[in-house]
């Protein structure tokens, strides 16, 4: 039997938006169970709710109904301050636009999430250096984002997402701005780190090439997750 403290569990998750006094359903009862070490790619057309689902799982948006249990805890039972701390300690985000701070070095960008609650410690800096070495950026640590390539910037974003040892890693179109070669490289990197760090990895993407790298691929259709064939 799997331990719920090692799982992401989603039950009957719905999300509706109110537009001009009308209700627009986006998610219609999503169910999902993932264990530590699992990796899932989610595809679907624009407007299907992929990013909405990811933002709810990342505790950046509130569901209309249903349950999200992350590693034994429902983060939507927490207040706003507690949710922010929960995100910082448990969830890593990677976006299409890397959102690096241009005035900071690569190393400083990776350390930013550690500064929110405790300040950057020597242990955190050691981990940041290790992560950057792991992704082949040992010679770029003191460069600014404008001095490195798009693929390298996205690798920095991966390291930043991992700096606090998250149990859940969420990637929203992480290769949307990259060419085919970098798409494959970033995809393989995410999957390798997923296994090394024993995270739950969820990636939403328009890229069939990226989704094909994942052991599990589901599509979001009519507000529901459905298994996609290989």
C-alpha atoms as a PDB file:
ATOM      1  CA  UNK A   1       0.000   0.000   0.000  1.00  0.00           C
ATOM      2  CA  UNK A   2       1.314   3.432  -0.923  1.00  0.00           C
ATOM      3  CA  UNK A   3       1.791   6.008   1.848  1.00  0.00           C
ATOM      4  CA  UNK A   4      -0.418   9.076   1.262  1.00  0.00           C
ATOM      5  CA  UNK A   5       2.381  11.187   2.754  1.00  0.00           C
ATOM      6  CA  UNK A   6       4.420  10.275  -0.327  1.00  0.00           C
ATOM      7  CA  UNK A   7       1.631  11.033  -2.833  1.00  0.00           C
ATOM      8  CA  UNK A   8      -0.118  13.826  -4.677  1.00  0.00           C
ATOM      9  CA  UNK A   9      -3.838  13.018  -4.616  1.00  0.00           C
ATOM     10  CA  UNK A  10      -6.440  14.972  -6.604  1.00  0.00           C
ATOM     11  CA  UNK A  11     -10.124  14.099  -6.196  1.00  0.00           C
ATOM     12  CA  UNK A  12     -13.022  15.445  -8.273  1.00  0.00           C
ATOM     13  CA  UNK A  13     -11.277  18.772  -8.835  1.00  0.00           C
ATOM     14  CA  UNK A  14     -13.401  21.424 -10.542  1.00  0.00           C
ATOM     15  CA  UNK A  15     -12.751  25.018 -11.533  1.00  0.00           C
ATOM     16  CA  UNK A  16     -15.253  27.512 -12.882  1.00  0.00           C
ATOM     17  CA  UNK A  17     -14.830  31.147 -13.814  1.00  0.00           C
ATOM     18  CA  UNK A  18     -17.635  33.705 -13.713  1.00  0.00           C
ATOM     19  CA  UNK A  19     -17.852  35.819 -16.834  1.00  0.00           C
ATOM     20  CA  UNK A  20     -20.680  38.334 -17.328  1.00  0.00           C
ATOM     21  CA  UNK A  21     -22.834  36.591 -14.707  1.00  0.00           C
ATOM     22  CA  UNK A  22     -22.318  33.243 -16.426  1.00  0.00           C
ATOM     23  CA  UNK A  23     -20.290  30.309 -15.185  1.00  0.00           C
ATOM     24  CA  UNK A  24     -17.542  28.988 -17.459  1.00  0.00           C
ATOM     25  CA  UNK A  25     -16.408  25.465 -16.466  1.00  0.00           C
ATOM     26  CA  UNK A  26     -12.703  24.783 -17.023  1.00  0.00           C
ATOM     27  CA  UNK A  27     -12.018  21.650 -14.959  1.00  0.00           C
ATOM     28  CA  UNK A  28     -14.899  19.190 -14.670  1.00  0.00           C
ATOM     29  CA  UNK A  29     -13.781  16.643 -12.074  1.00  0.00           C
ATOM     30  CA  UNK A  30     -10.075  15.873 -12.408  1.00  0.00           C
ATOM     31  CA  UNK A  31      -8.775  12.814 -10.562  1.00  0.00           C
ATOM     32  CA  UNK A  32      -5.100  12.009 -10.224  1.00  0.00           C
ATOM     33  CA  UNK A  33      -2.765  10.049  -7.950  1.00  0.00           C
ATOM     34  CA  UNK A  34       1.012  10.341  -8.326  1.00  0.00           C
ATOM     35  CA  UNK A  35       3.748   8.891  -6.133  1.00  0.00           C
ATOM     36  CA  UNK A  36       7.206  10.261  -5.414  1.00  0.00           C
ATOM     37  CA  UNK A  37       9.334   9.544  -8.482  1.00  0.00           C
ATOM     38  CA  UNK A  38       6.390   9.669 -10.927  1.00  0.00           C
ATOM     39  CA  UNK A  39       6.505  11.956 -13.962  1.00  0.00           C
ATOM     40  CA  UNK A  40       3.435  13.049 -15.946  1.00  0.00           C
ATOM     41  CA  UNK A  41       3.138  15.136 -19.104  1.00  0.00           C
ATOM     42  CA  UNK A  42      -0.213  16.838 -19.757  1.00  0.00           C
ATOM     43  CA  UNK A  43      -1.126  18.101 -23.222  1.00  0.00           C
ATOM     44  CA  UNK A  44      -4.204  19.788 -24.620  1.00  0.00           C
ATOM     45  CA  UNK A  45      -5.223  22.738 -26.790  1.00  0.00           C
ATOM     46  CA  UNK A  46      -4.956  26.331 -25.616  1.00  0.00           C
ATOM     47  CA  UNK A  47      -7.783  27.107 -23.234  1.00  0.00           C
ATOM     48  CA  UNK A  48      -8.261  23.504 -22.149  1.00  0.00           C
ATOM     49  CA  UNK A  49      -7.276  24.273 -18.562  1.00  0.00           C
ATOM     50  CA  UNK A  50      -3.721  22.886 -18.429  1.00  0.00           C
ATOM     51  CA  UNK A  51      -2.197  25.926 -16.777  1.00  0.00           C
ATOM     52  CA  UNK A  52      -5.244  26.367 -14.532  1.00  0.00           C
ATOM     53  CA  UNK A  53      -4.761  22.826 -13.241  1.00  0.00           C
ATOM     54  CA  UNK A  54      -1.055  23.433 -12.699  1.00  0.00           C
ATOM     55  CA  UNK A  55      -1.685  26.679 -10.821  1.00  0.00           C
ATOM     56  CA  UNK A  56      -4.169  24.952  -8.517  1.00  0.00           C
ATOM     57  CA  UNK A  57      -1.689  22.141  -7.837  1.00  0.00           C
ATOM     58  CA  UNK A  58       0.896  24.833  -7.150  1.00  0.00           C
ATOM     59  CA  UNK A  59      -1.458  26.504  -4.667  1.00  0.00           C
ATOM     60  CA  UNK A  60      -1.464  29.667  -6.784  1.00  0.00           C
ATOM     61  CA  UNK A  61      -5.174  29.396  -7.569  1.00  0.00           C
ATOM     62  CA  UNK A  62      -8.185  28.117  -5.646  1.00  0.00           C
ATOM     63  CA  UNK A  63     -10.337  25.231  -6.894  1.00  0.00           C
ATOM     64  CA  UNK A  64     -14.094  25.617  -7.099  1.00  0.00           C
ATOM     65  CA  UNK A  65     -14.567  22.186  -5.511  1.00  0.00           C
ATOM     66  CA  UNK A  66     -12.726  18.933  -4.916  1.00  0.00           C
ATOM     67  CA  UNK A  67      -9.675  17.979  -2.900  1.00  0.00           C
ATOM     68  CA  UNK A  68      -5.936  18.369  -3.389  1.00  0.00           C
ATOM     69  CA  UNK A  69      -3.874  16.394  -0.881  1.00  0.00           C
ATOM     70  CA  UNK A  70      -0.159  16.952  -1.165  1.00  0.00           C
ATOM     71  CA  UNK A  71       1.941  14.526   0.838  1.00  0.00           C
ATOM     72  CA  UNK A  72      -0.677  14.141   3.557  1.00  0.00           C
ATOM     73  CA  UNK A  73      -1.750  17.792   3.723  1.00  0.00           C
ATOM     74  CA  UNK A  74      -4.513  19.843   2.097  1.00  0.00           C
ATOM     75  CA  UNK A  75      -2.842  23.210   1.423  1.00  0.00           C
ATOM     76  CA  UNK A  76      -6.207  24.871   0.842  1.00  0.00           C
ATOM     77  CA  UNK A  77      -6.975  24.454   4.526  1.00  0.00           C
ATOM     78  CA  UNK A  78      -4.067  26.805   5.307  1.00  0.00           C
ATOM     79  CA  UNK A  79      -4.230  30.590   5.516  1.00  0.00           C
ATOM     80  CA  UNK A  80      -2.480  32.746   2.915  1.00  0.00           C
ATOM     81  CA  UNK A  81       0.769  33.091   4.890  1.00  0.00           C
ATOM     82  CA  UNK A  82       0.897  29.352   5.578  1.00  0.00           C
ATOM     83  CA  UNK A  83       0.193  28.609   1.904  1.00  0.00           C
ATOM     84  CA  UNK A  84       3.108  30.807   0.851  1.00  0.00           C
ATOM     85  CA  UNK A  85       5.410  28.921   3.209  1.00  0.00           C
ATOM     86  CA  UNK A  86       4.011  25.582   2.003  1.00  0.00           C
ATOM     87  CA  UNK A  87       4.758  26.542  -1.629  1.00  0.00           C
ATOM     88  CA  UNK A  88       8.263  27.663  -0.790  1.00  0.00           C
ATOM     89  CA  UNK A  89       9.098  24.464   1.079  1.00  0.00           C
ATOM     90  CA  UNK A  90       7.299  21.858  -1.035  1.00  0.00           C
ATOM     91  CA  UNK A  91       6.795  23.063  -4.615  1.00  0.00           C
ATOM     92  CA  UNK A  92       9.219  24.043  -7.368  1.00  0.00           C
ATOM     93  CA  UNK A  93       8.005  25.973 -10.422  1.00  0.00           C
ATOM     94  CA  UNK A  94       9.478  26.164 -13.922  1.00  0.00           C
ATOM     95  CA  UNK A  95       7.756  28.465 -16.423  1.00  0.00           C
ATOM     96  CA  UNK A  96       8.063  29.076 -20.161  1.00  0.00           C
ATOM     97  CA  UNK A  97       9.622  32.449 -19.409  1.00  0.00           C
ATOM     98  CA  UNK A  98      12.409  31.715 -16.978  1.00  0.00           C
ATOM     99  CA  UNK A  99      11.698  34.844 -14.876  1.00  0.00           C
ATOM    100  CA  UNK A 100      15.340  35.259 -13.892  1.00  0.00           C
ATOM    101  CA  UNK A 101      16.287  38.539 -12.231  1.00  0.00           C
ATOM    102  CA  UNK A 102      18.549  40.337 -14.741  1.00  0.00           C
ATOM    103  CA  UNK A 103      20.524  42.232 -12.105  1.00  0.00           C
ATOM    104  CA  UNK A 104      21.586  39.062 -10.288  1.00  0.00           C
ATOM    105  CA  UNK A 105      24.138  36.442 -11.255  1.00  0.00           C
ATOM    106  CA  UNK A 106      23.184  32.883 -12.181  1.00  0.00           C
ATOM    107  CA  UNK A 107      24.183  31.696  -8.697  1.00  0.00           C
ATOM    108  CA  UNK A 108      22.226  34.476  -6.981  1.00  0.00           C
ATOM    109  CA  UNK A 109      19.132  33.688  -9.064  1.00  0.00           C
ATOM    110  CA  UNK A 110      19.223  30.058  -7.961  1.00  0.00           C
ATOM    111  CA  UNK A 111      19.492  31.135  -4.312  1.00  0.00           C
ATOM    112  CA  UNK A 112      16.500  33.516  -4.346  1.00  0.00           C
ATOM    113  CA  UNK A 113      13.925  30.988  -2.990  1.00  0.00           C
ATOM    114  CA  UNK A 114      16.184  30.250  -0.007  1.00  0.00           C
ATOM    115  CA  UNK A 115      16.207  33.894   1.036  1.00  0.00           C
ATOM    116  CA  UNK A 116      12.471  34.157   1.641  1.00  0.00           C
ATOM    117  CA  UNK A 117      12.395  32.588   5.107  1.00  0.00           C
ATOM    118  CA  UNK A 118      15.922  31.950   6.311  1.00  0.00           C
ATOM    119  CA  UNK A 119      18.353  33.872   4.138  1.00  0.00           C
ATOM    120  CA  UNK A 120      20.946  32.185   1.957  1.00  0.00           C
ATOM    121  CA  UNK A 121      23.096  29.911   4.101  1.00  0.00           C
ATOM    122  CA  UNK A 122      26.414  28.319   3.224  1.00  0.00           C
ATOM    123  CA  UNK A 123      24.598  24.992   2.872  1.00  0.00           C
ATOM    124  CA  UNK A 124      22.179  26.559   0.407  1.00  0.00           C
ATOM    125  CA  UNK A 125      25.036  28.035  -1.591  1.00  0.00           C
ATOM    126  CA  UNK A 126      26.788  24.663  -1.669  1.00  0.00           C
ATOM    127  CA  UNK A 127      23.579  23.066  -2.953  1.00  0.00           C
ATOM    128  CA  UNK A 128      23.148  25.811  -5.581  1.00  0.00           C
ATOM    129  CA  UNK A 129      26.675  25.257  -6.825  1.00  0.00           C
ATOM    130  CA  UNK A 130      26.112  21.495  -6.920  1.00  0.00           C
ATOM    131  CA  UNK A 131      22.885  21.907  -8.921  1.00  0.00           C
ATOM    132  CA  UNK A 132      24.536  24.270 -11.400  1.00  0.00           C
ATOM    133  CA  UNK A 133      27.390  21.823 -11.838  1.00  0.00           C
ATOM    134  CA  UNK A 134      24.832  19.049 -12.302  1.00  0.00           C
ATOM    135  CA  UNK A 135      23.281  20.880 -15.271  1.00  0.00           C
ATOM    136  CA  UNK A 136      26.631  21.832 -16.790  1.00  0.00           C
ATOM    137  CA  UNK A 137      26.702  25.502 -15.764  1.00  0.00           C
ATOM    138  CA  UNK A 138      29.722  25.442 -13.475  1.00  0.00           C
ATOM    139  CA  UNK A 139      31.418  28.015 -15.709  1.00  0.00           C
ATOM    140  CA  UNK A 140      28.371  30.330 -15.815  1.00  0.00           C
ATOM    141  CA  UNK A 141      27.715  30.864 -12.097  1.00  0.00           C
ATOM    142  CA  UNK A 142      28.821  34.491 -12.062  1.00  0.00           C
ATOM    143  CA  UNK A 143      27.327  35.453 -15.432  1.00  0.00           C
ATOM    144  CA  UNK A 144      24.166  37.543 -15.653  1.00  0.00           C
ATOM    145  CA  UNK A 145      21.131  36.063 -17.466  1.00  0.00           C
ATOM    146  CA  UNK A 146      21.717  38.291 -20.498  1.00  0.00           C
ATOM    147  CA  UNK A 147      25.157  36.734 -20.927  1.00  0.00           C
ATOM    148  CA  UNK A 148      23.945  33.149 -21.362  1.00  0.00           C
ATOM    149  CA  UNK A 149      21.790  31.360 -23.952  1.00  0.00           C
ATOM    150  CA  UNK A 150      18.073  30.606 -23.746  1.00  0.00           C
ATOM    151  CA  UNK A 151      18.702  26.954 -23.044  1.00  0.00           C
ATOM    152  CA  UNK A 152      21.163  27.856 -20.301  1.00  0.00           C
ATOM    153  CA  UNK A 153      18.694  30.304 -18.746  1.00  0.00           C
ATOM    154  CA  UNK A 154      16.092  27.552 -18.572  1.00  0.00           C
ATOM    155  CA  UNK A 155      18.637  25.287 -16.870  1.00  0.00           C
ATOM    156  CA  UNK A 156      19.157  28.008 -14.273  1.00  0.00           C
ATOM    157  CA  UNK A 157      15.376  28.082 -13.772  1.00  0.00           C
ATOM    158  CA  UNK A 158      15.412  24.314 -13.200  1.00  0.00           C
ATOM    159  CA  UNK A 159      18.106  24.709 -10.532  1.00  0.00           C
ATOM    160  CA  UNK A 160      16.183  27.528  -8.855  1.00  0.00           C
ATOM    161  CA  UNK A 161      13.062  25.319  -8.750  1.00  0.00           C
ATOM    162  CA  UNK A 162      15.077  22.563  -7.039  1.00  0.00           C
ATOM    163  CA  UNK A 163      17.026  24.608  -4.513  1.00  0.00           C
ATOM    164  CA  UNK A 164      14.633  23.957  -1.596  1.00  0.00           C
ATOM    165  CA  UNK A 165      14.346  20.213  -2.284  1.00  0.00           C
ATOM    166  CA  UNK A 166      10.686  20.337  -3.381  1.00  0.00           C
ATOM    167  CA  UNK A 167       8.570  17.231  -3.330  1.00  0.00           C
ATOM    168  CA  UNK A 168       6.459  18.518  -6.239  1.00  0.00           C
ATOM    169  CA  UNK A 169       8.015  19.968  -9.398  1.00  0.00           C
ATOM    170  CA  UNK A 170       5.635  21.789 -11.772  1.00  0.00           C
ATOM    171  CA  UNK A 171       6.699  22.821 -15.274  1.00  0.00           C
ATOM    172  CA  UNK A 172       4.452  25.067 -17.394  1.00  0.00           C
ATOM    173  CA  UNK A 173       5.557  24.975 -21.052  1.00  0.00           C
ATOM    174  CA  UNK A 174       9.218  24.776 -19.934  1.00  0.00           C
ATOM    175  CA  UNK A 175      10.516  24.437 -23.504  1.00  0.00           C
ATOM    176  CA  UNK A 176       8.041  26.733 -25.253  1.00  0.00           C
ATOM    177  CA  UNK A 177      10.758  29.234 -26.185  1.00  0.00           C
ATOM    178  CA  UNK A 178      13.398  26.658 -27.091  1.00  0.00           C
ATOM    179  CA  UNK A 179      14.391  24.874 -30.303  1.00  0.00           C
ATOM    180  CA  UNK A 180      13.991  21.127 -30.802  1.00  0.00           C
ATOM    181  CA  UNK A 181      17.495  20.278 -29.562  1.00  0.00           C
ATOM    182  CA  UNK A 182      17.097  22.271 -26.350  1.00  0.00           C
ATOM    183  CA  UNK A 183      13.569  20.910 -25.886  1.00  0.00           C
ATOM    184  CA  UNK A 184      14.897  17.368 -25.818  1.00  0.00           C
ATOM    185  CA  UNK A 185      17.815  18.361 -23.601  1.00  0.00           C
ATOM    186  CA  UNK A 186      15.625  20.110 -21.006  1.00  0.00           C
ATOM    187  CA  UNK A 187      13.069  17.290 -21.106  1.00  0.00           C
ATOM    188  CA  UNK A 188      15.678  14.636 -20.418  1.00  0.00           C
ATOM    189  CA  UNK A 189      17.220  16.795 -17.693  1.00  0.00           C
ATOM    190  CA  UNK A 190      13.859  17.164 -15.921  1.00  0.00           C
ATOM    191  CA  UNK A 191      13.271  13.429 -16.018  1.00  0.00           C
ATOM    192  CA  UNK A 192      16.769  12.622 -14.774  1.00  0.00           C
ATOM    193  CA  UNK A 193      16.414  15.053 -11.867  1.00  0.00           C
ATOM    194  CA  UNK A 194      12.925  13.722 -11.161  1.00  0.00           C
ATOM    195  CA  UNK A 195      14.472  10.317 -10.512  1.00  0.00           C
ATOM    196  CA  UNK A 196      17.534  11.625  -8.682  1.00  0.00           C
ATOM    197  CA  UNK A 197      15.533  13.875  -6.343  1.00  0.00           C
ATOM    198  CA  UNK A 198      12.503  11.540  -6.065  1.00  0.00           C
ATOM    199  CA  UNK A 199      10.041  14.313  -6.851  1.00  0.00           C
ATOM    200  CA  UNK A 200       6.582  14.221  -8.329  1.00  0.00           C
ATOM    201  CA  UNK A 201       7.023  15.898 -11.736  1.00  0.00           C
ATOM    202  CA  UNK A 202       4.111  17.334 -13.739  1.00  0.00           C
ATOM    203  CA  UNK A 203       4.757  19.111 -17.024  1.00  0.00           C
ATOM    204  CA  UNK A 204       2.081  20.796 -19.138  1.00  0.00           C
ATOM    205  CA  UNK A 205       3.105  21.374 -22.732  1.00  0.00           C
ATOM    206  CA  UNK A 206       1.971  21.834 -26.307  1.00  0.00           C
ATOM    207  CA  UNK A 207       5.044  19.901 -27.434  1.00  0.00           C
ATOM    208  CA  UNK A 208       4.306  16.327 -28.452  1.00  0.00           C
ATOM    209  CA  UNK A 209       8.059  15.760 -28.665  1.00  0.00           C
ATOM    210  CA  UNK A 210       8.494  16.749 -25.023  1.00  0.00           C
ATOM    211  CA  UNK A 211       5.442  14.755 -23.867  1.00  0.00           C
ATOM    212  CA  UNK A 212       6.750  11.658 -25.659  1.00  0.00           C
ATOM    213  CA  UNK A 213       9.788  11.626 -23.364  1.00  0.00           C
ATOM    214  CA  UNK A 214       7.606  11.127 -20.279  1.00  0.00           C
ATOM    215  CA  UNK A 215       6.651   7.705 -18.935  1.00  0.00           C
ATOM    216  CA  UNK A 216       3.026   8.846 -18.536  1.00  0.00           C
ATOM    217  CA  UNK A 217       1.159  11.186 -20.887  1.00  0.00           C
ATOM    218  CA  UNK A 218      -2.393  12.392 -20.344  1.00  0.00           C
ATOM    219  CA  UNK A 219      -4.513  14.842 -22.291  1.00  0.00           C
ATOM    220  CA  UNK A 220      -6.893  17.394 -20.837  1.00  0.00           C
ATOM    221  CA  UNK A 221     -10.164  17.171 -22.749  1.00  0.00           C
ATOM    222  CA  UNK A 222     -13.523  18.633 -21.784  1.00  0.00           C
ATOM    223  CA  UNK A 223     -12.142  19.394 -18.355  1.00  0.00           C
ATOM    224  CA  UNK A 224     -11.002  15.822 -17.656  1.00  0.00           C
ATOM    225  CA  UNK A 225      -7.675  13.998 -17.806  1.00  0.00           C
ATOM    226  CA  UNK A 226      -7.595  11.090 -20.261  1.00  0.00           C
ATOM    227  CA  UNK A 227      -4.726   8.727 -20.983  1.00  0.00           C
ATOM    228  CA  UNK A 228      -2.912   9.374 -24.249  1.00  0.00           C
ATOM    229  CA  UNK A 229      -1.441   6.571 -26.357  1.00  0.00           C
ATOM    230  CA  UNK A 230       2.291   6.470 -26.933  1.00  0.00           C
END
